[in-house]
């Protein structure tokens, strides 16, 4: 069985943290992405809201460019050392 770990999610960036640098010199940008939608589940409409911690490694974006922006992100899920879910972003598109 082939394993998959890919995610596409739209939402608004509601908090951007200061950019950090790894010991290898790569820039790491982190932020909170808030998603709101209405999804059909078992024949019923359901309001879906969530916030997820996201990181992007070696990105060309600046912190001010992303704050309060509507985006679509593509990436994969992992856990950090605190066992929190983290979305690692490979691609980010700003819209709206």
C-alpha atoms as a PDB file:
ATOM      1  CA  UNK A   1       0.000   0.000   0.000  1.00  0.00           C
ATOM      2  CA  UNK A   2       1.361   3.405  -0.996  1.00  0.00           C
ATOM      3  CA  UNK A   3       1.298   5.924   1.832  1.00  0.00           C
ATOM      4  CA  UNK A   4       0.148   9.473   1.177  1.00  0.00           C
ATOM      5  CA  UNK A   5       0.519  12.630   3.222  1.00  0.00           C
ATOM      6  CA  UNK A   6      -0.648  15.620   1.215  1.00  0.00           C
ATOM      7  CA  UNK A   7      -3.025  18.403   2.131  1.00  0.00           C
ATOM      8  CA  UNK A   8      -4.557  21.385   0.335  1.00  0.00           C
ATOM      9  CA  UNK A   9      -6.271  23.926   2.571  1.00  0.00           C
ATOM     10  CA  UNK A  10      -7.571  27.452   2.118  1.00  0.00           C
ATOM     11  CA  UNK A  11      -7.955  30.048   4.814  1.00  0.00           C
ATOM     12  CA  UNK A  12      -6.724  33.292   6.294  1.00  0.00           C
ATOM     13  CA  UNK A  13      -3.362  33.778   7.965  1.00  0.00           C
ATOM     14  CA  UNK A  14      -4.319  35.227  11.349  1.00  0.00           C
ATOM     15  CA  UNK A  15      -0.916  35.349  13.068  1.00  0.00           C
ATOM     16  CA  UNK A  16       2.630  35.437  11.709  1.00  0.00           C
ATOM     17  CA  UNK A  17       5.551  34.650  14.010  1.00  0.00           C
ATOM     18  CA  UNK A  18       9.042  36.126  13.620  1.00  0.00           C
ATOM     19  CA  UNK A  19      11.147  34.295  11.034  1.00  0.00           C
ATOM     20  CA  UNK A  20      13.868  32.059  12.501  1.00  0.00           C
ATOM     21  CA  UNK A  21      16.991  30.511  11.075  1.00  0.00           C
ATOM     22  CA  UNK A  22      17.905  26.808  11.369  1.00  0.00           C
ATOM     23  CA  UNK A  23      21.431  25.714  12.364  1.00  0.00           C
ATOM     24  CA  UNK A  24      21.933  25.029   8.628  1.00  0.00           C
ATOM     25  CA  UNK A  25      21.072  28.635   7.751  1.00  0.00           C
ATOM     26  CA  UNK A  26      17.594  28.004   6.302  1.00  0.00           C
ATOM     27  CA  UNK A  27      14.869  30.543   7.068  1.00  0.00           C
ATOM     28  CA  UNK A  28      11.740  29.158   8.751  1.00  0.00           C
ATOM     29  CA  UNK A  29       8.527  31.162   8.664  1.00  0.00           C
ATOM     30  CA  UNK A  30       5.646  30.075  10.894  1.00  0.00           C
ATOM     31  CA  UNK A  31       2.059  31.229  11.177  1.00  0.00           C
ATOM     32  CA  UNK A  32      -1.476  30.255  12.149  1.00  0.00           C
ATOM     33  CA  UNK A  33      -3.915  29.480   9.321  1.00  0.00           C
ATOM     34  CA  UNK A  34      -7.640  29.751  10.077  1.00  0.00           C
ATOM     35  CA  UNK A  35     -10.066  27.810   7.866  1.00  0.00           C
ATOM     36  CA  UNK A  36     -13.865  28.347   7.727  1.00  0.00           C
ATOM     37  CA  UNK A  37     -16.214  26.494   5.385  1.00  0.00           C
ATOM     38  CA  UNK A  38     -19.466  24.616   5.060  1.00  0.00           C
ATOM     39  CA  UNK A  39     -18.991  20.955   4.136  1.00  0.00           C
ATOM     40  CA  UNK A  40     -21.535  18.307   3.210  1.00  0.00           C
ATOM     41  CA  UNK A  41     -21.306  15.300   5.556  1.00  0.00           C
ATOM     42  CA  UNK A  42     -23.798  12.407   5.666  1.00  0.00           C
ATOM     43  CA  UNK A  43     -26.336  14.478   3.757  1.00  0.00           C
ATOM     44  CA  UNK A  44     -26.105  17.418   6.156  1.00  0.00           C
ATOM     45  CA  UNK A  45     -24.357  20.782   5.874  1.00  0.00           C
ATOM     46  CA  UNK A  46     -21.753  21.249   8.566  1.00  0.00           C
ATOM     47  CA  UNK A  47     -19.909  24.420   9.597  1.00  0.00           C
ATOM     48  CA  UNK A  48     -16.180  23.646   9.732  1.00  0.00           C
ATOM     49  CA  UNK A  49     -13.713  25.874  11.589  1.00  0.00           C
ATOM     50  CA  UNK A  50     -10.138  25.115  12.517  1.00  0.00           C
ATOM     51  CA  UNK A  51      -6.786  26.744  13.153  1.00  0.00           C
ATOM     52  CA  UNK A  52      -3.544  25.017  12.314  1.00  0.00           C
ATOM     53  CA  UNK A  53       0.088  25.884  12.974  1.00  0.00           C
ATOM     54  CA  UNK A  54       2.043  26.072   9.703  1.00  0.00           C
ATOM     55  CA  UNK A  55       5.698  26.354   8.774  1.00  0.00           C
ATOM     56  CA  UNK A  56       7.493  27.133   5.524  1.00  0.00           C
ATOM     57  CA  UNK A  57      11.190  26.463   5.124  1.00  0.00           C
ATOM     58  CA  UNK A  58      13.392  28.613   2.893  1.00  0.00           C
ATOM     59  CA  UNK A  59      10.502  30.760   1.622  1.00  0.00           C
ATOM     60  CA  UNK A  60      10.838  34.018  -0.287  1.00  0.00           C
ATOM     61  CA  UNK A  61       7.827  35.554   1.485  1.00  0.00           C
ATOM     62  CA  UNK A  62       8.242  38.282   4.088  1.00  0.00           C
ATOM     63  CA  UNK A  63       6.215  38.351   7.318  1.00  0.00           C
ATOM     64  CA  UNK A  64       4.322  41.527   6.348  1.00  0.00           C
ATOM     65  CA  UNK A  65       3.315  40.023   2.990  1.00  0.00           C
ATOM     66  CA  UNK A  66       1.355  37.223   4.669  1.00  0.00           C
ATOM     67  CA  UNK A  67      -0.356  38.777   7.692  1.00  0.00           C
ATOM     68  CA  UNK A  68      -4.177  38.672   7.304  1.00  0.00           C
ATOM     69  CA  UNK A  69      -3.929  37.301   3.751  1.00  0.00           C
ATOM     70  CA  UNK A  70      -6.307  34.742   2.243  1.00  0.00           C
ATOM     71  CA  UNK A  71      -4.283  31.818   0.930  1.00  0.00           C
ATOM     72  CA  UNK A  72      -4.379  28.312  -0.469  1.00  0.00           C
ATOM     73  CA  UNK A  73      -1.586  26.109   0.853  1.00  0.00           C
ATOM     74  CA  UNK A  74      -0.276  22.713  -0.209  1.00  0.00           C
ATOM     75  CA  UNK A  75       1.863  20.603   2.077  1.00  0.00           C
ATOM     76  CA  UNK A  76       2.079  17.680   4.466  1.00  0.00           C
ATOM     77  CA  UNK A  77       1.255  17.019   8.114  1.00  0.00           C
ATOM     78  CA  UNK A  78       3.668  16.144  10.900  1.00  0.00           C
ATOM     79  CA  UNK A  79       3.958  16.489  14.663  1.00  0.00           C
ATOM     80  CA  UNK A  80       6.402  18.676  16.528  1.00  0.00           C
ATOM     81  CA  UNK A  81       8.252  17.759  19.725  1.00  0.00           C
ATOM     82  CA  UNK A  82       5.163  18.764  21.756  1.00  0.00           C
ATOM     83  CA  UNK A  83       3.051  16.275  19.727  1.00  0.00           C
ATOM     84  CA  UNK A  84       1.126  19.158  18.109  1.00  0.00           C
ATOM     85  CA  UNK A  85      -0.052  18.861  14.524  1.00  0.00           C
ATOM     86  CA  UNK A  86       1.983  21.014  12.109  1.00  0.00           C
ATOM     87  CA  UNK A  87       1.301  21.729   8.429  1.00  0.00           C
ATOM     88  CA  UNK A  88       4.592  21.926   6.509  1.00  0.00           C
ATOM     89  CA  UNK A  89       3.920  24.080   3.462  1.00  0.00           C
ATOM     90  CA  UNK A  90       5.498  23.317   0.088  1.00  0.00           C
ATOM     91  CA  UNK A  91       3.414  25.808  -1.931  1.00  0.00           C
ATOM     92  CA  UNK A  92       1.451  28.920  -0.948  1.00  0.00           C
ATOM     93  CA  UNK A  93      -0.790  31.053  -3.173  1.00  0.00           C
ATOM     94  CA  UNK A  94      -2.221  34.378  -2.013  1.00  0.00           C
ATOM     95  CA  UNK A  95      -5.701  35.206  -3.356  1.00  0.00           C
ATOM     96  CA  UNK A  96      -8.471  37.751  -2.888  1.00  0.00           C
END
